[in-house]
Amino acid sequence: MNASSLPFSPASERNKGPILEVLRGLLTPKARVLEIASGTGQHAEHFATQCPGWTWQPSDVQAQALPAVAARCAALPQVLPPVLLDVLMPAWPLPEQAFDAIYCANMLHISPWACCAALMQGAARHLAPSGALVLYGPYRVDGEPLAEGNRAFDADLRERNPQWGLRLLADVELAAQAAGLAFERRFNLPANNLALVFRQGA
């Protein structure tokens, strides 16, 4: 699989810089990171290239995505072979308490709501003490106007699948709290997206 045939996400290309700055501020130079829903692998490649001390474990729910992620990151020994991972699995195929951070971008609004609780519970099992769960994407926030672009995106998602849609931040916080993860802070990023940080054992 050559570079020209690899799947490519323009959104991932645009947002990789701002997200990396958030992660750099949260993680140590030798962090172990599990990425949920790696997709095209562009984030894994960029983050591992820019921060070669990080050990990056990609994963995705779609088996057909894994060869492209592996090919994109083949020259990066700090990126581990991608694993097939559905957050709804009762047990994830990875060691528990093994990761300093778990990172997940643009998944919650294109998956059933049950995936949110499952992600939180899985993160609580697989994060090391004081580890961070970092989520990225568009959210609805009580008391804050929804940007017109996000409003249209939300309507489109719900039309495509009634189980999809932008999640309310307060609901995500409650799901995290139920799993023992504490909401730590949010970052306002370009294009009306947020990076949310939850902490294990806070």
N, C-alpha and C. Protein backbone atom coordinates (compact mmCIF):
# COMPACT_ATOMS: atom_id res chain seq x y z
N MET A 1 0.86 -1.19 0.00
CA MET A 1 0.00 0.00 0.00
C MET A 1 0.89 1.24 0.00
N ASN A 2 0.87 2.00 -1.12
CA ASN A 2 1.72 3.17 -1.19
C ASN A 2 1.00 4.41 -0.68
N ALA A 3 1.77 5.47 -0.46
CA ALA A 3 1.22 6.67 0.19
C ALA A 3 0.06 7.27 -0.60
N SER A 4 0.12 7.21 -1.92
CA SER A 4 -0.93 7.84 -2.72
C SER A 4 -2.25 7.11 -2.64
N SER A 5 -2.22 5.83 -2.22
CA SER A 5 -3.46 5.05 -2.14
C SER A 5 -4.06 5.04 -0.73
N LEU A 6 -3.40 5.67 0.22
CA LEU A 6 -3.90 5.66 1.59
C LEU A 6 -5.11 6.58 1.72
N PRO A 7 -6.08 6.21 2.54
CA PRO A 7 -7.23 7.09 2.78
C PRO A 7 -6.77 8.38 3.43
N PHE A 8 -7.48 9.46 3.14
CA PHE A 8 -7.05 10.78 3.62
C PHE A 8 -8.26 11.57 4.09
N SER A 9 -8.13 12.19 5.25
CA SER A 9 -9.19 13.02 5.82
C SER A 9 -8.73 14.47 5.87
N PRO A 10 -9.34 15.37 5.09
CA PRO A 10 -8.98 16.79 5.17
C PRO A 10 -9.17 17.36 6.57
N ALA A 11 -10.22 16.93 7.28
CA ALA A 11 -10.45 17.43 8.63
C ALA A 11 -9.31 17.04 9.57
N SER A 12 -8.85 15.79 9.46
CA SER A 12 -7.73 15.35 10.30
C SER A 12 -6.47 16.15 10.01
N GLU A 13 -6.29 16.49 8.74
CA GLU A 13 -5.12 17.28 8.36
C GLU A 13 -5.20 18.69 8.96
N ARG A 14 -6.40 19.26 8.98
CA ARG A 14 -6.58 20.62 9.52
C ARG A 14 -6.44 20.67 11.03
N ASN A 15 -6.95 19.66 11.72
CA ASN A 15 -7.01 19.77 13.19
C ASN A 15 -5.83 19.14 13.92
N LYS A 16 -4.91 18.48 13.18
CA LYS A 16 -3.83 17.77 13.87
C LYS A 16 -2.91 18.71 14.64
N GLY A 17 -2.67 19.92 14.12
CA GLY A 17 -1.79 20.87 14.81
C GLY A 17 -2.35 21.35 16.13
N PRO A 18 -3.58 21.89 16.16
CA PRO A 18 -4.16 22.33 17.42
C PRO A 18 -4.30 21.22 18.46
N ILE A 19 -4.67 20.02 18.00
CA ILE A 19 -4.82 18.91 18.96
C ILE A 19 -3.47 18.54 19.54
N LEU A 20 -2.43 18.51 18.71
CA LEU A 20 -1.11 18.16 19.20
C LEU A 20 -0.65 19.13 20.30
N GLU A 21 -0.96 20.40 20.14
CA GLU A 21 -0.56 21.37 21.16
C GLU A 21 -1.24 21.06 22.50
N VAL A 22 -2.49 20.65 22.45
CA VAL A 22 -3.18 20.25 23.68
C VAL A 22 -2.50 19.04 24.30
N LEU A 23 -2.23 18.03 23.49
CA LEU A 23 -1.62 16.81 24.02
C LEU A 23 -0.23 17.08 24.59
N ARG A 24 0.53 17.92 23.92
CA ARG A 24 1.87 18.25 24.43
C ARG A 24 1.81 18.88 25.81
N GLY A 25 0.77 19.66 26.05
CA GLY A 25 0.63 20.30 27.36
C GLY A 25 0.17 19.36 28.45
N LEU A 26 -0.34 18.19 28.06
CA LEU A 26 -0.89 17.25 29.04
C LEU A 26 0.02 16.07 29.32
N LEU A 27 0.81 15.66 28.33
CA LEU A 27 1.55 14.40 28.41
C LEU A 27 3.04 14.63 28.64
N THR A 28 3.66 13.66 29.28
CA THR A 28 5.10 13.68 29.46
C THR A 28 5.77 13.25 28.15
N PRO A 29 7.07 13.51 28.01
CA PRO A 29 7.77 13.13 26.77
C PRO A 29 7.81 11.62 26.52
N LYS A 30 7.51 10.82 27.53
CA LYS A 30 7.58 9.36 27.37
C LYS A 30 6.21 8.71 27.58
N ALA A 31 5.16 9.37 27.25
CA ALA A 31 3.81 8.88 27.53
C ALA A 31 3.45 7.67 26.67
N ARG A 32 2.61 6.83 27.23
CA ARG A 32 2.02 5.69 26.52
C ARG A 32 0.58 6.05 26.21
N VAL A 33 0.21 6.06 24.94
CA VAL A 33 -1.11 6.57 24.53
C VAL A 33 -1.85 5.52 23.71
N LEU A 34 -3.11 5.31 24.07
CA LEU A 34 -4.03 4.50 23.28
C LEU A 34 -4.95 5.43 22.51
N GLU A 35 -5.00 5.27 21.20
CA GLU A 35 -5.92 6.06 20.39
C GLU A 35 -7.12 5.19 20.02
N ILE A 36 -8.30 5.66 20.36
CA ILE A 36 -9.55 5.00 19.98
C ILE A 36 -10.03 5.63 18.67
N ALA A 37 -10.49 4.78 17.74
CA ALA A 37 -11.02 5.25 16.45
C ALA A 37 -9.95 6.01 15.65
N SER A 38 -8.88 5.32 15.33
CA SER A 38 -7.75 5.95 14.63
C SER A 38 -8.07 6.36 13.20
N GLY A 39 -9.08 5.74 12.59
CA GLY A 39 -9.49 6.16 11.25
C GLY A 39 -8.39 5.99 10.22
N THR A 40 -8.01 7.09 9.58
CA THR A 40 -6.99 7.05 8.53
C THR A 40 -5.57 6.88 9.07
N GLY A 41 -5.37 7.11 10.36
CA GLY A 41 -4.04 7.04 10.94
C GLY A 41 -3.23 8.31 10.83
N GLN A 42 -3.85 9.39 10.30
CA GLN A 42 -3.10 10.64 10.13
C GLN A 42 -2.67 11.23 11.47
N HIS A 43 -3.53 11.16 12.48
CA HIS A 43 -3.16 11.69 13.79
C HIS A 43 -2.03 10.86 14.39
N ALA A 44 -2.15 9.54 14.32
CA ALA A 44 -1.09 8.69 14.86
C ALA A 44 0.25 9.02 14.23
N GLU A 45 0.26 9.15 12.92
CA GLU A 45 1.50 9.46 12.21
C GLU A 45 2.06 10.82 12.62
N HIS A 46 1.21 11.83 12.66
CA HIS A 46 1.69 13.18 12.95
C HIS A 46 2.16 13.30 14.39
N PHE A 47 1.37 12.81 15.32
CA PHE A 47 1.73 12.96 16.73
C PHE A 47 3.00 12.18 17.07
N ALA A 48 3.11 10.98 16.53
CA ALA A 48 4.30 10.17 16.83
C ALA A 48 5.54 10.76 16.17
N THR A 49 5.38 11.35 14.99
CA THR A 49 6.52 11.99 14.32
C THR A 49 7.00 13.20 15.11
N GLN A 50 6.06 14.00 15.59
CA GLN A 50 6.41 15.22 16.31
C GLN A 50 6.88 14.94 17.74
N CYS A 51 6.41 13.85 18.32
CA CYS A 51 6.77 13.50 19.71
C CYS A 51 7.25 12.05 19.73
N PRO A 52 8.47 11.81 19.26
CA PRO A 52 8.95 10.43 19.09
C PRO A 52 9.11 9.65 20.38
N GLY A 53 9.06 10.33 21.52
CA GLY A 53 9.15 9.61 22.79
C GLY A 53 7.84 8.95 23.21
N TRP A 54 6.75 9.34 22.58
CA TRP A 54 5.46 8.73 22.90
C TRP A 54 5.36 7.35 22.27
N THR A 55 4.83 6.40 23.01
CA THR A 55 4.47 5.10 22.46
C THR A 55 2.99 5.16 22.13
N TRP A 56 2.66 4.96 20.86
CA TRP A 56 1.29 5.20 20.38
C TRP A 56 0.65 3.88 19.95
N GLN A 57 -0.49 3.57 20.56
CA GLN A 57 -1.23 2.36 20.21
C GLN A 57 -2.50 2.73 19.45
N PRO A 58 -2.52 2.60 18.12
CA PRO A 58 -3.74 2.89 17.37
C PRO A 58 -4.75 1.75 17.50
N SER A 59 -6.01 2.09 17.26
CA SER A 59 -7.06 1.07 17.23
C SER A 59 -8.22 1.60 16.40
N ASP A 60 -9.06 0.68 15.94
CA ASP A 60 -10.26 1.09 15.22
C ASP A 60 -11.27 -0.03 15.26
N VAL A 61 -12.54 0.34 15.16
CA VAL A 61 -13.63 -0.64 15.17
C VAL A 61 -13.76 -1.33 13.82
N GLN A 62 -13.22 -0.72 12.77
CA GLN A 62 -13.33 -1.27 11.42
C GLN A 62 -12.05 -1.99 11.03
N ALA A 63 -12.15 -3.29 10.81
CA ALA A 63 -10.97 -4.07 10.47
C ALA A 63 -10.30 -3.57 9.19
N GLN A 64 -11.11 -3.06 8.26
CA GLN A 64 -10.54 -2.61 6.99
C GLN A 64 -9.70 -1.34 7.14
N ALA A 65 -9.82 -0.64 8.27
CA ALA A 65 -9.01 0.56 8.50
C ALA A 65 -7.60 0.23 8.95
N LEU A 66 -7.40 -0.93 9.54
CA LEU A 66 -6.12 -1.22 10.20
C LEU A 66 -4.94 -1.30 9.24
N PRO A 67 -5.05 -1.93 8.05
CA PRO A 67 -3.88 -1.97 7.16
C PRO A 67 -3.39 -0.59 6.75
N ALA A 68 -4.31 0.36 6.54
CA ALA A 68 -3.89 1.70 6.14
C ALA A 68 -3.17 2.41 7.28
N VAL A 69 -3.66 2.23 8.51
CA VAL A 69 -2.98 2.83 9.66
C VAL A 69 -1.58 2.24 9.78
N ALA A 70 -1.47 0.93 9.66
CA ALA A 70 -0.16 0.27 9.76
C ALA A 70 0.78 0.76 8.66
N ALA A 71 0.26 0.91 7.44
CA ALA A 71 1.11 1.36 6.34
C ALA A 71 1.56 2.80 6.54
N ARG A 72 0.65 3.64 7.00
CA ARG A 72 0.99 5.06 7.19
C ARG A 72 2.06 5.23 8.26
N CYS A 73 2.06 4.35 9.26
CA CYS A 73 2.98 4.50 10.39
C CYS A 73 4.12 3.49 10.36
N ALA A 74 4.33 2.85 9.23
CA ALA A 74 5.30 1.75 9.14
C ALA A 74 6.72 2.19 9.48
N ALA A 75 7.05 3.43 9.21
CA ALA A 75 8.42 3.91 9.46
C ALA A 75 8.61 4.42 10.89
N LEU A 76 7.58 4.31 11.72
CA LEU A 76 7.62 4.85 13.08
C LEU A 76 7.58 3.71 14.09
N PRO A 77 8.73 3.29 14.60
CA PRO A 77 8.74 2.13 15.51
C PRO A 77 8.00 2.38 16.82
N GLN A 78 7.79 3.64 17.18
CA GLN A 78 7.07 3.94 18.42
C GLN A 78 5.56 3.81 18.27
N VAL A 79 5.10 3.60 17.02
CA VAL A 79 3.68 3.34 16.79
C VAL A 79 3.49 1.82 16.73
N LEU A 80 2.72 1.28 17.64
CA LEU A 80 2.51 -0.17 17.72
C LEU A 80 1.52 -0.62 16.64
N PRO A 81 1.52 -1.90 16.31
CA PRO A 81 0.54 -2.39 15.32
C PRO A 81 -0.89 -2.07 15.77
N PRO A 82 -1.73 -1.56 14.87
CA PRO A 82 -3.09 -1.21 15.27
C PRO A 82 -3.90 -2.44 15.63
N VAL A 83 -4.81 -2.27 16.59
CA VAL A 83 -5.64 -3.38 17.04
C VAL A 83 -7.11 -3.11 16.73
N LEU A 84 -7.86 -4.18 16.52
CA LEU A 84 -9.30 -4.08 16.32
C LEU A 84 -9.94 -3.88 17.69
N LEU A 85 -10.65 -2.77 17.86
CA LEU A 85 -11.23 -2.46 19.17
C LEU A 85 -12.58 -1.79 19.00
N ASP A 86 -13.60 -2.43 19.52
CA ASP A 86 -14.94 -1.86 19.63
C ASP A 86 -15.13 -1.49 21.09
N VAL A 87 -15.40 -0.23 21.38
CA VAL A 87 -15.51 0.18 22.79
C VAL A 87 -16.62 -0.57 23.52
N LEU A 88 -17.58 -1.13 22.78
CA LEU A 88 -18.68 -1.88 23.40
C LEU A 88 -18.27 -3.28 23.84
N MET A 89 -17.07 -3.71 23.47
CA MET A 89 -16.57 -5.00 23.94
C MET A 89 -16.54 -5.02 25.47
N PRO A 90 -17.00 -6.10 26.11
CA PRO A 90 -16.92 -6.16 27.58
C PRO A 90 -15.49 -6.13 28.09
N ALA A 91 -14.56 -6.64 27.27
CA ALA A 91 -13.13 -6.58 27.62
C ALA A 91 -12.36 -6.14 26.38
N TRP A 92 -11.54 -5.12 26.53
CA TRP A 92 -10.72 -4.66 25.41
C TRP A 92 -9.47 -5.52 25.30
N PRO A 93 -8.95 -5.74 24.08
CA PRO A 93 -7.81 -6.64 23.88
C PRO A 93 -6.46 -5.98 24.18
N LEU A 94 -6.39 -5.33 25.34
CA LEU A 94 -5.19 -4.58 25.73
C LEU A 94 -5.01 -4.70 27.24
N PRO A 95 -3.79 -4.53 27.73
CA PRO A 95 -3.57 -4.62 29.17
C PRO A 95 -4.24 -3.48 29.93
N GLU A 96 -4.73 -3.77 31.10
CA GLU A 96 -5.38 -2.75 31.92
C GLU A 96 -4.34 -1.89 32.64
N GLN A 97 -4.75 -0.66 32.96
CA GLN A 97 -3.90 0.32 33.66
C GLN A 97 -2.55 0.51 32.96
N ALA A 98 -2.56 0.45 31.62
CA ALA A 98 -1.30 0.45 30.88
C ALA A 98 -0.99 1.77 30.18
N PHE A 99 -1.96 2.72 30.16
CA PHE A 99 -1.78 3.90 29.32
C PHE A 99 -1.83 5.19 30.15
N ASP A 100 -0.91 6.09 29.84
CA ASP A 100 -0.90 7.39 30.49
C ASP A 100 -2.02 8.27 29.95
N ALA A 101 -2.45 7.98 28.72
CA ALA A 101 -3.55 8.75 28.12
C ALA A 101 -4.29 7.86 27.13
N ILE A 102 -5.57 8.15 27.00
CA ILE A 102 -6.40 7.57 25.95
C ILE A 102 -6.97 8.75 25.17
N TYR A 103 -6.83 8.70 23.86
CA TYR A 103 -7.22 9.81 22.99
C TYR A 103 -8.26 9.32 22.00
N CYS A 104 -9.33 10.10 21.84
CA CYS A 104 -10.41 9.73 20.94
C CYS A 104 -10.97 10.98 20.28
N ALA A 105 -10.91 11.02 18.96
CA ALA A 105 -11.39 12.18 18.21
C ALA A 105 -12.59 11.81 17.34
N ASN A 106 -13.60 12.66 17.38
CA ASN A 106 -14.72 12.59 16.43
C ASN A 106 -15.37 11.22 16.37
N MET A 107 -15.60 10.62 17.54
CA MET A 107 -16.30 9.33 17.57
C MET A 107 -17.69 9.44 18.18
N LEU A 108 -17.84 10.18 19.25
CA LEU A 108 -19.08 10.12 20.01
C LEU A 108 -20.29 10.57 19.21
N HIS A 109 -20.12 11.51 18.29
CA HIS A 109 -21.28 11.99 17.54
C HIS A 109 -21.63 11.10 16.35
N ILE A 110 -20.79 10.14 16.01
CA ILE A 110 -21.12 9.22 14.92
C ILE A 110 -21.16 7.78 15.43
N SER A 111 -21.64 7.61 16.65
CA SER A 111 -21.83 6.28 17.22
C SER A 111 -23.02 6.35 18.17
N PRO A 112 -23.64 5.22 18.48
CA PRO A 112 -24.76 5.24 19.43
C PRO A 112 -24.31 5.77 20.79
N TRP A 113 -25.25 6.36 21.52
CA TRP A 113 -24.93 6.96 22.81
C TRP A 113 -24.31 5.94 23.77
N ALA A 114 -24.68 4.66 23.65
CA ALA A 114 -24.11 3.64 24.54
C ALA A 114 -22.59 3.59 24.44
N CYS A 115 -22.04 4.03 23.32
CA CYS A 115 -20.58 4.02 23.16
C CYS A 115 -19.90 4.99 24.11
N CYS A 116 -20.61 6.04 24.52
CA CYS A 116 -19.99 7.01 25.43
C CYS A 116 -19.71 6.37 26.78
N ALA A 117 -20.72 5.74 27.37
CA ALA A 117 -20.52 5.07 28.66
C ALA A 117 -19.47 3.97 28.54
N ALA A 118 -19.52 3.21 27.42
CA ALA A 118 -18.54 2.14 27.23
C ALA A 118 -17.12 2.68 27.11
N LEU A 119 -16.97 3.81 26.42
CA LEU A 119 -15.65 4.44 26.31
C LEU A 119 -15.15 4.85 27.68
N MET A 120 -16.01 5.47 28.47
CA MET A 120 -15.60 5.92 29.81
C MET A 120 -15.21 4.74 30.69
N GLN A 121 -16.00 3.69 30.66
CA GLN A 121 -15.71 2.53 31.51
C GLN A 121 -14.43 1.83 31.07
N GLY A 122 -14.24 1.73 29.75
CA GLY A 122 -13.00 1.13 29.25
C GLY A 122 -11.79 1.98 29.58
N ALA A 123 -11.95 3.29 29.47
CA ALA A 123 -10.83 4.18 29.82
C ALA A 123 -10.45 4.04 31.28
N ALA A 124 -11.46 3.94 32.14
CA ALA A 124 -11.18 3.79 33.57
C ALA A 124 -10.39 2.50 33.85
N ARG A 125 -10.65 1.46 33.07
CA ARG A 125 -9.93 0.19 33.26
C ARG A 125 -8.50 0.27 32.73
N HIS A 126 -8.31 0.98 31.64
CA HIS A 126 -7.04 0.90 30.93
C HIS A 126 -6.09 2.07 31.17
N LEU A 127 -6.58 3.12 31.82
CA LEU A 127 -5.68 4.23 32.17
C LEU A 127 -4.87 3.87 33.41
N ALA A 128 -3.62 4.29 33.39
CA ALA A 128 -2.80 4.21 34.59
C ALA A 128 -3.33 5.21 35.62
N PRO A 129 -2.98 5.04 36.90
CA PRO A 129 -3.40 6.03 37.90
C PRO A 129 -3.03 7.44 37.46
N SER A 130 -3.98 8.36 37.59
CA SER A 130 -3.84 9.77 37.18
C SER A 130 -3.76 9.96 35.67
N GLY A 131 -4.04 8.91 34.90
CA GLY A 131 -4.02 9.04 33.45
C GLY A 131 -5.17 9.90 32.94
N ALA A 132 -5.04 10.38 31.71
CA ALA A 132 -6.01 11.32 31.14
C ALA A 132 -6.72 10.71 29.94
N LEU A 133 -8.02 10.92 29.88
CA LEU A 133 -8.81 10.65 28.69
C LEU A 133 -9.03 11.98 27.98
N VAL A 134 -8.65 12.06 26.71
CA VAL A 134 -8.76 13.29 25.94
C VAL A 134 -9.70 13.05 24.77
N LEU A 135 -10.79 13.79 24.73
CA LEU A 135 -11.77 13.69 23.65
C LEU A 135 -11.72 14.96 22.81
N TYR A 136 -11.92 14.79 21.51
CA TYR A 136 -11.95 15.93 20.60
C TYR A 136 -13.17 15.83 19.71
N GLY A 137 -13.80 16.98 19.46
CA GLY A 137 -14.92 17.01 18.53
C GLY A 137 -15.87 18.15 18.85
N PRO A 138 -17.00 18.22 18.13
CA PRO A 138 -18.01 19.24 18.41
C PRO A 138 -18.98 18.74 19.48
N TYR A 139 -19.37 19.63 20.37
CA TYR A 139 -20.30 19.30 21.45
C TYR A 139 -21.31 20.42 21.62
N ARG A 140 -22.44 20.07 22.20
CA ARG A 140 -23.40 21.07 22.63
C ARG A 140 -23.14 21.37 24.10
N VAL A 141 -23.21 22.64 24.48
CA VAL A 141 -22.92 23.05 25.86
C VAL A 141 -24.09 23.87 26.37
N ASP A 142 -24.66 23.47 27.49
CA ASP A 142 -25.76 24.22 28.09
C ASP A 142 -25.37 25.67 28.31
N GLY A 143 -26.25 26.59 27.91
CA GLY A 143 -26.01 28.01 28.15
C GLY A 143 -25.12 28.68 27.12
N GLU A 144 -24.64 27.92 26.13
CA GLU A 144 -23.79 28.49 25.09
C GLU A 144 -24.46 28.28 23.73
N PRO A 145 -24.53 29.30 22.90
CA PRO A 145 -25.17 29.14 21.59
C PRO A 145 -24.41 28.14 20.72
N LEU A 146 -25.16 27.36 19.98
CA LEU A 146 -24.55 26.39 19.08
C LEU A 146 -24.24 27.08 17.76
N ALA A 147 -22.98 26.97 17.33
CA ALA A 147 -22.58 27.59 16.07
C ALA A 147 -23.45 27.05 14.93
N GLU A 148 -23.74 27.90 13.97
CA GLU A 148 -24.64 27.50 12.89
C GLU A 148 -24.11 26.28 12.14
N GLY A 149 -22.80 26.22 11.94
CA GLY A 149 -22.22 25.06 11.26
C GLY A 149 -22.43 23.78 12.04
N ASN A 150 -22.28 23.86 13.36
CA ASN A 150 -22.50 22.69 14.20
C ASN A 150 -23.98 22.31 14.24
N ARG A 151 -24.85 23.31 14.21
CA ARG A 151 -26.29 23.03 14.19
C ARG A 151 -26.67 22.25 12.93
N ALA A 152 -26.16 22.69 11.79
CA ALA A 152 -26.44 22.00 10.54
C ALA A 152 -25.82 20.59 10.53
N PHE A 153 -24.61 20.48 11.08
CA PHE A 153 -23.93 19.18 11.15
C PHE A 153 -24.74 18.22 12.02
N ASP A 154 -25.23 18.70 13.15
CA ASP A 154 -26.02 17.88 14.06
C ASP A 154 -27.29 17.38 13.36
N ALA A 155 -27.97 18.27 12.66
CA ALA A 155 -29.19 17.88 11.96
C ALA A 155 -28.90 16.84 10.88
N ASP A 156 -27.79 17.02 10.17
CA ASP A 156 -27.42 16.07 9.13
C ASP A 156 -27.11 14.70 9.73
N LEU A 157 -26.38 14.69 10.84
CA LEU A 157 -26.06 13.42 11.49
C LEU A 157 -27.32 12.68 11.91
N ARG A 158 -28.26 13.40 12.53
CA ARG A 158 -29.48 12.76 13.03
C ARG A 158 -30.36 12.28 11.89
N GLU A 159 -30.29 12.95 10.76
CA GLU A 159 -31.04 12.49 9.59
C GLU A 159 -30.44 11.21 9.04
N ARG A 160 -29.10 11.13 9.05
CA ARG A 160 -28.43 9.94 8.54
C ARG A 160 -28.62 8.74 9.46
N ASN A 161 -28.63 9.00 10.78
CA ASN A 161 -28.81 7.92 11.76
C ASN A 161 -29.38 8.53 13.04
N PRO A 162 -30.58 8.16 13.45
CA PRO A 162 -31.19 8.76 14.65
C PRO A 162 -30.38 8.56 15.92
N GLN A 163 -29.45 7.59 15.91
CA GLN A 163 -28.63 7.34 17.10
C GLN A 163 -27.39 8.23 17.15
N TRP A 164 -27.17 9.03 16.08
CA TRP A 164 -26.02 9.90 16.03
C TRP A 164 -26.42 11.32 16.44
N GLY A 165 -25.44 12.19 16.57
CA GLY A 165 -25.69 13.58 16.86
C GLY A 165 -24.70 14.15 17.86
N LEU A 166 -24.57 15.47 17.87
CA LEU A 166 -23.66 16.12 18.80
C LEU A 166 -24.13 15.88 20.23
N ARG A 167 -23.20 15.52 21.10
CA ARG A 167 -23.54 15.17 22.48
C ARG A 167 -23.49 16.40 23.38
N LEU A 168 -24.33 16.38 24.38
CA LEU A 168 -24.35 17.45 25.37
C LEU A 168 -23.20 17.23 26.35
N LEU A 169 -22.40 18.26 26.54
CA LEU A 169 -21.23 18.13 27.40
C LEU A 169 -21.60 17.64 28.79
N ALA A 170 -22.70 18.13 29.34
CA ALA A 170 -23.11 17.71 30.69
C ALA A 170 -23.39 16.21 30.73
N ASP A 171 -23.96 15.65 29.67
CA ASP A 171 -24.22 14.22 29.64
C ASP A 171 -22.92 13.42 29.57
N VAL A 172 -21.96 13.92 28.80
CA VAL A 172 -20.66 13.25 28.70
C VAL A 172 -19.96 13.28 30.06
N GLU A 173 -20.05 14.40 30.75
CA GLU A 173 -19.45 14.51 32.08
C GLU A 173 -20.07 13.51 33.05
N LEU A 174 -21.39 13.34 32.99
CA LEU A 174 -22.06 12.39 33.87
C LEU A 174 -21.61 10.95 33.58
N ALA A 175 -21.47 10.62 32.30
CA ALA A 175 -21.01 9.28 31.93
C ALA A 175 -19.59 9.04 32.45
N ALA A 176 -18.76 10.06 32.37
CA ALA A 176 -17.39 9.94 32.89
C ALA A 176 -17.40 9.78 34.40
N GLN A 177 -18.20 10.58 35.06
CA GLN A 177 -18.28 10.52 36.53
C GLN A 177 -18.73 9.13 36.98
N ALA A 178 -19.69 8.55 36.28
CA ALA A 178 -20.19 7.22 36.65
C ALA A 178 -19.10 6.15 36.54
N ALA A 179 -18.11 6.40 35.67
CA ALA A 179 -17.00 5.46 35.49
C ALA A 179 -15.82 5.78 36.40
N GLY A 180 -15.92 6.85 37.19
CA GLY A 180 -14.84 7.22 38.08
C GLY A 180 -13.82 8.16 37.48
N LEU A 181 -14.19 8.82 36.36
CA LEU A 181 -13.31 9.80 35.73
C LEU A 181 -13.83 11.19 36.01
N ALA A 182 -12.96 12.09 36.40
CA ALA A 182 -13.35 13.46 36.74
C ALA A 182 -13.05 14.39 35.57
N PHE A 183 -14.02 15.25 35.25
CA PHE A 183 -13.81 16.26 34.20
C PHE A 183 -12.81 17.28 34.73
N GLU A 184 -11.74 17.50 33.95
CA GLU A 184 -10.67 18.39 34.40
C GLU A 184 -10.73 19.76 33.73
N ARG A 185 -10.83 19.78 32.41
CA ARG A 185 -10.89 21.07 31.72
C ARG A 185 -11.27 20.87 30.26
N ARG A 186 -11.57 21.98 29.60
CA ARG A 186 -11.85 21.95 28.16
C ARG A 186 -10.97 22.98 27.47
N PHE A 187 -10.68 22.71 26.22
CA PHE A 187 -9.95 23.63 25.37
C PHE A 187 -10.86 23.97 24.19
N ASN A 188 -11.00 25.25 23.90
CA ASN A 188 -11.74 25.68 22.72
C ASN A 188 -10.79 25.71 21.53
N LEU A 189 -11.09 24.89 20.54
CA LEU A 189 -10.21 24.74 19.38
C LEU A 189 -10.90 25.27 18.12
N PRO A 190 -10.15 25.41 17.02
CA PRO A 190 -10.74 25.98 15.80
C PRO A 190 -11.96 25.20 15.30
N ALA A 191 -12.75 25.89 14.48
CA ALA A 191 -13.93 25.30 13.82
C ALA A 191 -14.97 24.81 14.82
N ASN A 192 -15.06 25.51 15.96
CA ASN A 192 -16.08 25.22 16.98
C ASN A 192 -15.99 23.80 17.53
N ASN A 193 -14.78 23.34 17.69
CA ASN A 193 -14.53 22.03 18.32
C ASN A 193 -13.94 22.22 19.70
N LEU A 194 -14.10 21.21 20.53
CA LEU A 194 -13.57 21.23 21.89
C LEU A 194 -12.64 20.05 22.09
N ALA A 195 -11.63 20.24 22.93
CA ALA A 195 -10.86 19.13 23.49
C ALA A 195 -11.23 19.05 24.96
N LEU A 196 -11.66 17.88 25.39
CA LEU A 196 -12.11 17.67 26.76
C LEU A 196 -11.14 16.72 27.46
N VAL A 197 -10.81 17.05 28.69
CA VAL A 197 -9.85 16.24 29.46
C VAL A 197 -10.54 15.71 30.71
N PHE A 198 -10.47 14.39 30.87
CA PHE A 198 -10.98 13.71 32.06
C PHE A 198 -9.80 12.99 32.72
N ARG A 199 -9.85 12.90 34.04
CA ARG A 199 -8.69 12.37 34.74
C ARG A 199 -9.08 11.16 35.61
N GLN A 200 -8.25 10.15 35.53
CA GLN A 200 -8.43 8.93 36.34
C GLN A 200 -8.03 9.23 37.79
N GLY A 201 -8.89 8.88 38.72
CA GLY A 201 -8.55 8.98 40.14
C GLY A 201 -8.40 10.39 40.64
N ALA A 202 -9.00 11.37 39.95
CA ALA A 202 -8.89 12.77 40.39
C ALA A 202 -9.80 13.01 41.59
